[in-house]
PDB file of all heavy atoms in Angstrom:
ATOM      1  N   VAL A   1     -13.938  -4.055  -4.944  1.00  0.00           N
ATOM      2  CA  VAL A   1     -13.428  -4.967  -3.924  1.00  0.00           C
ATOM      3  C   VAL A   1     -14.613  -5.756  -3.370  1.00  0.00           C
ATOM      4  O   VAL A   1     -15.666  -5.199  -3.065  1.00  0.00           O
ATOM      5  CB  VAL A   1     -12.663  -4.222  -2.806  1.00  0.00           C
ATOM      6  CG1 VAL A   1     -13.537  -3.201  -2.096  1.00  0.00           C
ATOM      7  CG2 VAL A   1     -12.079  -5.207  -1.815  1.00  0.00           C
ATOM      8  N   LEU A   2     -14.424  -7.036  -3.289  1.00  0.00           N
ATOM      9  CA  LEU A   2     -15.437  -7.938  -2.744  1.00  0.00           C
ATOM     10  C   LEU A   2     -14.993  -8.365  -1.354  1.00  0.00           C
ATOM     11  O   LEU A   2     -13.879  -8.874  -1.180  1.00  0.00           O
ATOM     12  CB  LEU A   2     -15.596  -9.166  -3.647  1.00  0.00           C
ATOM     13  CG  LEU A   2     -16.630 -10.204  -3.205  1.00  0.00           C
ATOM     14  CD1 LEU A   2     -18.042  -9.615  -3.273  1.00  0.00           C
ATOM     15  CD2 LEU A   2     -16.523 -11.465  -4.067  1.00  0.00           C
ATOM     16  N   VAL A   3     -15.863  -8.147  -0.374  1.00  0.00           N
ATOM     17  CA  VAL A   3     -15.570  -8.529   1.010  1.00  0.00           C
ATOM     18  C   VAL A   3     -16.499  -9.677   1.398  1.00  0.00           C
ATOM     19  O   VAL A   3     -17.724  -9.536   1.331  1.00  0.00           O
ATOM     20  CB  VAL A   3     -15.752  -7.335   1.967  1.00  0.00           C
ATOM     21  CG1 VAL A   3     -15.605  -7.787   3.423  1.00  0.00           C
ATOM     22  CG2 VAL A   3     -14.756  -6.228   1.655  1.00  0.00           C
ATOM     23  N   THR A   4     -15.898 -10.787   1.777  1.00  0.00           N
ATOM     24  CA  THR A   4     -16.647 -11.948   2.244  1.00  0.00           C
ATOM     25  C   THR A   4     -16.006 -12.442   3.534  1.00  0.00           C
ATOM     26  O   THR A   4     -14.993 -11.905   3.977  1.00  0.00           O
ATOM     27  CB  THR A   4     -16.632 -13.089   1.201  1.00  0.00           C
ATOM     28  OG1 THR A   4     -15.311 -13.658   1.162  1.00  0.00           O
ATOM     29  CG2 THR A   4     -17.013 -12.581  -0.184  1.00  0.00           C
ATOM     30  N   ALA A   5     -16.585 -13.464   4.106  1.00  0.00           N
ATOM     31  CA  ALA A   5     -16.032 -14.024   5.333  1.00  0.00           C
ATOM     32  C   ALA A   5     -14.614 -14.549   5.122  1.00  0.00           C
ATOM     33  O   ALA A   5     -13.853 -14.724   6.078  1.00  0.00           O
ATOM     34  CB  ALA A   5     -16.930 -15.150   5.845  1.00  0.00           C
ATOM     35  N   ARG A   6     -14.238 -14.782   3.867  1.00  0.00           N
ATOM     36  CA  ARG A   6     -12.891 -15.274   3.555  1.00  0.00           C
ATOM     37  C   ARG A   6     -11.878 -14.151   3.439  1.00  0.00           C
ATOM     38  O   ARG A   6     -10.682 -14.398   3.311  1.00  0.00           O
ATOM     39  CB  ARG A   6     -12.929 -16.089   2.257  1.00  0.00           C
ATOM     40  CG  ARG A   6     -13.814 -17.326   2.337  1.00  0.00           C
ATOM     41  CD  ARG A   6     -13.745 -18.160   1.064  1.00  0.00           C
ATOM     42  NE  ARG A   6     -14.134 -17.390  -0.107  1.00  0.00           N
ATOM     43  CZ  ARG A   6     -15.385 -17.153  -0.467  1.00  0.00           C
ATOM     44  NH1 ARG A   6     -16.388 -17.615   0.288  1.00  0.00           N
ATOM     45  NH2 ARG A   6     -15.665 -16.466  -1.556  1.00  0.00           N
ATOM     46  N   GLY A   7     -12.351 -12.901   3.447  1.00  0.00           N
ATOM     47  CA  GLY A   7     -11.438 -11.768   3.334  1.00  0.00           C
ATOM     48  C   GLY A   7     -11.848 -10.837   2.207  1.00  0.00           C
ATOM     49  O   GLY A   7     -13.010 -10.803   1.789  1.00  0.00           O
ATOM     50  N   ALA A   8     -10.877 -10.075   1.694  1.00  0.00           N
ATOM     51  CA  ALA A   8     -11.144  -9.084   0.646  1.00  0.00           C
ATOM     52  C   ALA A   8     -10.387  -9.453  -0.621  1.00  0.00           C
ATOM     53  O   ALA A   8      -9.247  -9.923  -0.577  1.00  0.00           O
ATOM     54  CB  ALA A   8     -10.722  -7.696   1.111  1.00  0.00           C
ATOM     55  N   GLN A   9     -11.052  -9.214  -1.752  1.00  0.00           N
ATOM     56  CA  GLN A   9     -10.446  -9.464  -3.054  1.00  0.00           C
ATOM     57  C   GLN A   9     -10.666  -8.245  -3.938  1.00  0.00           C
ATOM     58  O   GLN A   9     -11.799  -7.793  -4.118  1.00  0.00           O
ATOM     59  CB  GLN A   9     -11.038 -10.706  -3.709  1.00  0.00           C
ATOM     60  CG  GLN A   9     -10.353 -11.096  -5.011  1.00  0.00           C
ATOM     61  CD  GLN A   9     -10.768 -12.476  -5.496  1.00  0.00           C
ATOM     62  OE1 GLN A   9     -11.495 -13.190  -4.806  1.00  0.00           O
ATOM     63  NE2 GLN A   9     -10.318 -12.855  -6.674  1.00  0.00           N
ATOM     64  N   LEU A  10      -9.577  -7.704  -4.482  1.00  0.00           N
ATOM     65  CA  LEU A  10      -9.628  -6.539  -5.354  1.00  0.00           C
ATOM     66  C   LEU A  10      -9.649  -6.989  -6.807  1.00  0.00           C
ATOM     67  O   LEU A  10      -8.815  -7.793  -7.231  1.00  0.00           O
ATOM     68  CB  LEU A  10      -8.416  -5.634  -5.109  1.00  0.00           C
ATOM     69  CG  LEU A  10      -8.268  -4.431  -6.036  1.00  0.00           C
ATOM     70  CD1 LEU A  10      -9.329  -3.382  -5.730  1.00  0.00           C
ATOM     71  CD2 LEU A  10      -6.871  -3.824  -5.922  1.00  0.00           C
ATOM     72  N   PHE A  11     -10.583  -6.428  -7.573  1.00  0.00           N
ATOM     73  CA  PHE A  11     -10.683  -6.701  -9.006  1.00  0.00           C
ATOM     74  C   PHE A  11     -10.309  -5.427  -9.756  1.00  0.00           C
ATOM     75  O   PHE A  11     -10.951  -4.386  -9.589  1.00  0.00           O
ATOM     76  CB  PHE A  11     -12.108  -7.134  -9.368  1.00  0.00           C
ATOM     77  CG  PHE A  11     -12.519  -8.427  -8.729  1.00  0.00           C
ATOM     78  CD1 PHE A  11     -13.062  -8.431  -7.444  1.00  0.00           C
ATOM     79  CD2 PHE A  11     -12.351  -9.634  -9.378  1.00  0.00           C
ATOM     80  CE1 PHE A  11     -13.441  -9.615  -6.838  1.00  0.00           C
ATOM     81  CE2 PHE A  11     -12.729 -10.829  -8.779  1.00  0.00           C
ATOM     82  CZ  PHE A  11     -13.265 -10.822  -7.498  1.00  0.00           C
ATOM     83  N   THR A  12      -9.284  -5.501 -10.581  1.00  0.00           N
ATOM     84  CA  THR A  12      -8.842  -4.347 -11.341  1.00  0.00           C
ATOM     85  C   THR A  12      -8.425  -4.799 -12.727  1.00  0.00           C
ATOM     86  O   THR A  12      -8.557  -5.971 -13.073  1.00  0.00           O
ATOM     87  CB  THR A  12      -7.699  -3.614 -10.604  1.00  0.00           C
ATOM     88  OG1 THR A  12      -7.447  -2.358 -11.224  1.00  0.00           O
ATOM     89  CG2 THR A  12      -6.432  -4.448 -10.549  1.00  0.00           C
ATOM     90  N   ASP A  13      -7.938  -3.846 -13.549  1.00  0.00           N
ATOM     91  CA  ASP A  13      -7.511  -4.228 -14.898  1.00  0.00           C
ATOM     92  C   ASP A  13      -6.018  -3.987 -15.064  1.00  0.00           C
ATOM     93  O   ASP A  13      -5.343  -3.503 -14.151  1.00  0.00           O
ATOM     94  CB  ASP A  13      -8.328  -3.494 -15.961  1.00  0.00           C
ATOM     95  CG  ASP A  13      -8.185  -1.992 -15.886  1.00  0.00           C
ATOM     96  OD1 ASP A  13      -7.042  -1.496 -15.991  1.00  0.00           O
ATOM     97  OD2 ASP A  13      -9.204  -1.293 -15.723  1.00  0.00           O
ATOM     98  N   SER A  14      -5.523  -4.290 -16.252  1.00  0.00           N
ATOM     99  CA  SER A  14      -4.069  -4.295 -16.479  1.00  0.00           C
ATOM    100  C   SER A  14      -3.434  -2.921 -16.306  1.00  0.00           C
ATOM    101  O   SER A  14      -2.243  -2.821 -15.998  1.00  0.00           O
ATOM    102  CB  SER A  14      -3.765  -4.828 -17.881  1.00  0.00           C
ATOM    103  OG  SER A  14      -4.387  -4.030 -18.879  1.00  0.00           O
ATOM    104  N   ARG A  15      -4.219  -1.850 -16.475  1.00  0.00           N
ATOM    105  CA  ARG A  15      -3.660  -0.505 -16.283  1.00  0.00           C
ATOM    106  C   ARG A  15      -3.164  -0.284 -14.864  1.00  0.00           C
ATOM    107  O   ARG A  15      -2.258   0.533 -14.622  1.00  0.00           O
ATOM    108  CB  ARG A  15      -4.716   0.559 -16.617  1.00  0.00           C
ATOM    109  CG  ARG A  15      -5.175   0.613 -18.051  1.00  0.00           C
ATOM    110  CD  ARG A  15      -6.332   1.584 -18.198  1.00  0.00           C
ATOM    111  NE  ARG A  15      -7.479   1.179 -17.403  1.00  0.00           N
ATOM    112  CZ  ARG A  15      -8.535   1.959 -17.159  1.00  0.00           C
ATOM    113  NH1 ARG A  15      -8.562   3.200 -17.631  1.00  0.00           N
ATOM    114  NH2 ARG A  15      -9.548   1.515 -16.453  1.00  0.00           N
ATOM    115  N   TYR A  16      -3.783  -0.976 -13.908  1.00  0.00           N
ATOM    116  CA  TYR A  16      -3.486  -0.743 -12.500  1.00  0.00           C
ATOM    117  C   TYR A  16      -2.802  -1.935 -11.826  1.00  0.00           C
ATOM    118  O   TYR A  16      -2.668  -1.952 -10.593  1.00  0.00           O
ATOM    119  CB  TYR A  16      -4.779  -0.416 -11.752  1.00  0.00           C
ATOM    120  CG  TYR A  16      -5.479   0.814 -12.255  1.00  0.00           C
ATOM    121  CD1 TYR A  16      -6.695   0.715 -12.939  1.00  0.00           C
ATOM    122  CD2 TYR A  16      -4.933   2.071 -12.080  1.00  0.00           C
ATOM    123  CE1 TYR A  16      -7.345   1.850 -13.409  1.00  0.00           C
ATOM    124  CE2 TYR A  16      -5.573   3.210 -12.539  1.00  0.00           C
ATOM    125  CZ  TYR A  16      -6.777   3.099 -13.204  1.00  0.00           C
ATOM    126  OH  TYR A  16      -7.412   4.227 -13.669  1.00  0.00           O
ATOM    127  N   ALA A  17      -2.347  -2.887 -12.623  1.00  0.00           N
ATOM    128  CA  ALA A  17      -1.749  -4.086 -12.036  1.00  0.00           C
ATOM    129  C   ALA A  17      -0.526  -3.746 -11.192  1.00  0.00           C
ATOM    130  O   ALA A  17      -0.373  -4.241 -10.064  1.00  0.00           O
ATOM    131  CB  ALA A  17      -1.383  -5.079 -13.139  1.00  0.00           C
ATOM    132  N   GLU A  18       0.359  -2.910 -11.711  1.00  0.00           N
ATOM    133  CA  GLU A  18       1.559  -2.526 -10.963  1.00  0.00           C
ATOM    134  C   GLU A  18       1.199  -1.662  -9.765  1.00  0.00           C
ATOM    135  O   GLU A  18       1.806  -1.780  -8.690  1.00  0.00           O
ATOM    136  CB  GLU A  18       2.540  -1.796 -11.879  1.00  0.00           C
ATOM    137  CG  GLU A  18       3.178  -2.670 -12.935  1.00  0.00           C
ATOM    138  CD  GLU A  18       3.971  -3.825 -12.306  1.00  0.00           C
ATOM    139  OE1 GLU A  18       4.730  -3.570 -11.351  1.00  0.00           O
ATOM    140  OE2 GLU A  18       3.814  -4.964 -12.768  1.00  0.00           O
ATOM    141  N   GLN A  19       0.218  -0.779  -9.950  1.00  0.00           N
ATOM    142  CA  GLN A  19      -0.219   0.063  -8.838  1.00  0.00           C
ATOM    143  C   GLN A  19      -0.766  -0.780  -7.699  1.00  0.00           C
ATOM    144  O   GLN A  19      -0.511  -0.501  -6.517  1.00  0.00           O
ATOM    145  CB  GLN A  19      -1.283   1.049  -9.311  1.00  0.00           C
ATOM    146  CG  GLN A  19      -1.637   2.140  -8.312  1.00  0.00           C
ATOM    147  CD  GLN A  19      -0.492   3.107  -8.095  1.00  0.00           C
ATOM    148  OE1 GLN A  19       0.187   3.477  -9.039  1.00  0.00           O
ATOM    149  NE2 GLN A  19      -0.285   3.511  -6.856  1.00  0.00           N
ATOM    150  N   ALA A  20      -1.504  -1.820  -8.035  1.00  0.00           N
ATOM    151  CA  ALA A  20      -2.066  -2.692  -7.006  1.00  0.00           C
ATOM    152  C   ALA A  20      -0.955  -3.383  -6.212  1.00  0.00           C
ATOM    153  O   ALA A  20      -1.065  -3.546  -4.993  1.00  0.00           O
ATOM    154  CB  ALA A  20      -2.982  -3.730  -7.636  1.00  0.00           C
ATOM    155  N   LYS A  21       0.116  -3.761  -6.882  1.00  0.00           N
ATOM    156  CA  LYS A  21       1.233  -4.404  -6.184  1.00  0.00           C
ATOM    157  C   LYS A  21       1.850  -3.465  -5.144  1.00  0.00           C
ATOM    158  O   LYS A  21       2.277  -3.898  -4.067  1.00  0.00           O
ATOM    159  CB  LYS A  21       2.311  -4.831  -7.192  1.00  0.00           C
ATOM    160  CG  LYS A  21       1.916  -5.974  -8.103  1.00  0.00           C
ATOM    161  CD  LYS A  21       3.054  -6.289  -9.081  1.00  0.00           C
ATOM    162  CE  LYS A  21       2.653  -7.380 -10.052  1.00  0.00           C
ATOM    163  NZ  LYS A  21       3.742  -7.658 -11.041  1.00  0.00           N
ATOM    164  N   LYS A  22       1.879  -2.170  -5.470  1.00  0.00           N
ATOM    165  CA  LYS A  22       2.471  -1.185  -4.565  1.00  0.00           C
ATOM    166  C   LYS A  22       1.540  -0.850  -3.396  1.00  0.00           C
ATOM    167  O   LYS A  22       1.990  -0.650  -2.269  1.00  0.00           O
ATOM    168  CB  LYS A  22       2.796   0.096  -5.328  1.00  0.00           C
ATOM    169  CG  LYS A  22       3.875  -0.049  -6.392  1.00  0.00           C
ATOM    170  CD  LYS A  22       4.078   1.276  -7.127  1.00  0.00           C
ATOM    171  CE  LYS A  22       5.113   1.153  -8.224  1.00  0.00           C
ATOM    172  NZ  LYS A  22       5.288   2.429  -8.968  1.00  0.00           N
ATOM    173  N   ASP A  23       0.231  -0.766  -3.707  1.00  0.00           N
ATOM    174  CA  ASP A  23      -0.719  -0.245  -2.726  1.00  0.00           C
ATOM    175  C   ASP A  23      -1.294  -1.286  -1.783  1.00  0.00           C
ATOM    176  O   ASP A  23      -1.566  -0.989  -0.612  1.00  0.00           O
ATOM    177  CB  ASP A  23      -1.902   0.428  -3.453  1.00  0.00           C
ATOM    178  CG  ASP A  23      -1.520   1.704  -4.176  1.00  0.00           C
ATOM    179  OD1 ASP A  23      -0.429   2.232  -3.909  1.00  0.00           O
ATOM    180  OD2 ASP A  23      -2.317   2.167  -5.013  1.00  0.00           O
ATOM    181  N   VAL A  24      -1.514  -2.473  -2.287  1.00  0.00           N
ATOM    182  CA  VAL A  24      -2.326  -3.457  -1.574  1.00  0.00           C
ATOM    183  C   VAL A  24      -1.446  -4.406  -0.761  1.00  0.00           C
ATOM    184  O   VAL A  24      -0.459  -4.939  -1.270  1.00  0.00           O
ATOM    185  CB  VAL A  24      -3.203  -4.249  -2.568  1.00  0.00           C
ATOM    186  CG1 VAL A  24      -3.993  -5.327  -1.846  1.00  0.00           C
ATOM    187  CG2 VAL A  24      -4.147  -3.301  -3.301  1.00  0.00           C
ATOM    188  N   GLY A  25      -1.829  -4.608   0.493  1.00  0.00           N
ATOM    189  CA  GLY A  25      -1.077  -5.495   1.365  1.00  0.00           C
ATOM    190  C   GLY A  25      -1.368  -6.960   1.088  1.00  0.00           C
ATOM    191  O   GLY A  25      -2.267  -7.308   0.308  1.00  0.00           O
ATOM    192  N   PRO A  26      -0.632  -7.852   1.758  1.00  0.00           N
ATOM    193  CA  PRO A  26      -0.775  -9.287   1.505  1.00  0.00           C
ATOM    194  C   PRO A  26      -2.105  -9.877   1.954  1.00  0.00           C
ATOM    195  O   PRO A  26      -2.454 -10.997   1.576  1.00  0.00           O
ATOM    196  CB  PRO A  26       0.381  -9.892   2.298  1.00  0.00           C
ATOM    197  CG  PRO A  26       0.670  -8.885   3.384  1.00  0.00           C
ATOM    198  CD  PRO A  26       0.406  -7.557   2.764  1.00  0.00           C
ATOM    199  N   ASP A  27      -2.871  -9.097   2.739  1.00  0.00           N
ATOM    200  CA  ASP A  27      -4.143  -9.623   3.233  1.00  0.00           C
ATOM    201  C   ASP A  27      -5.297  -9.360   2.274  1.00  0.00           C
ATOM    202  O   ASP A  27      -6.448  -9.681   2.577  1.00  0.00           O
ATOM    203  CB  ASP A  27      -4.469  -9.042   4.616  1.00  0.00           C
ATOM    204  CG  ASP A  27      -4.356  -7.524   4.652  1.00  0.00           C
ATOM    205  OD1 ASP A  27      -4.033  -6.923   3.609  1.00  0.00           O
ATOM    206  OD2 ASP A  27      -4.586  -6.941   5.725  1.00  0.00           O
TER     207      ASP A  27
END
């Protein structure tokens, strides 16, 4: 996860794409 003044961005791969949709909020 990269945190900058613009917010947070998660970098993951296709194995966890669906998991990220469930876990990660809109922010």
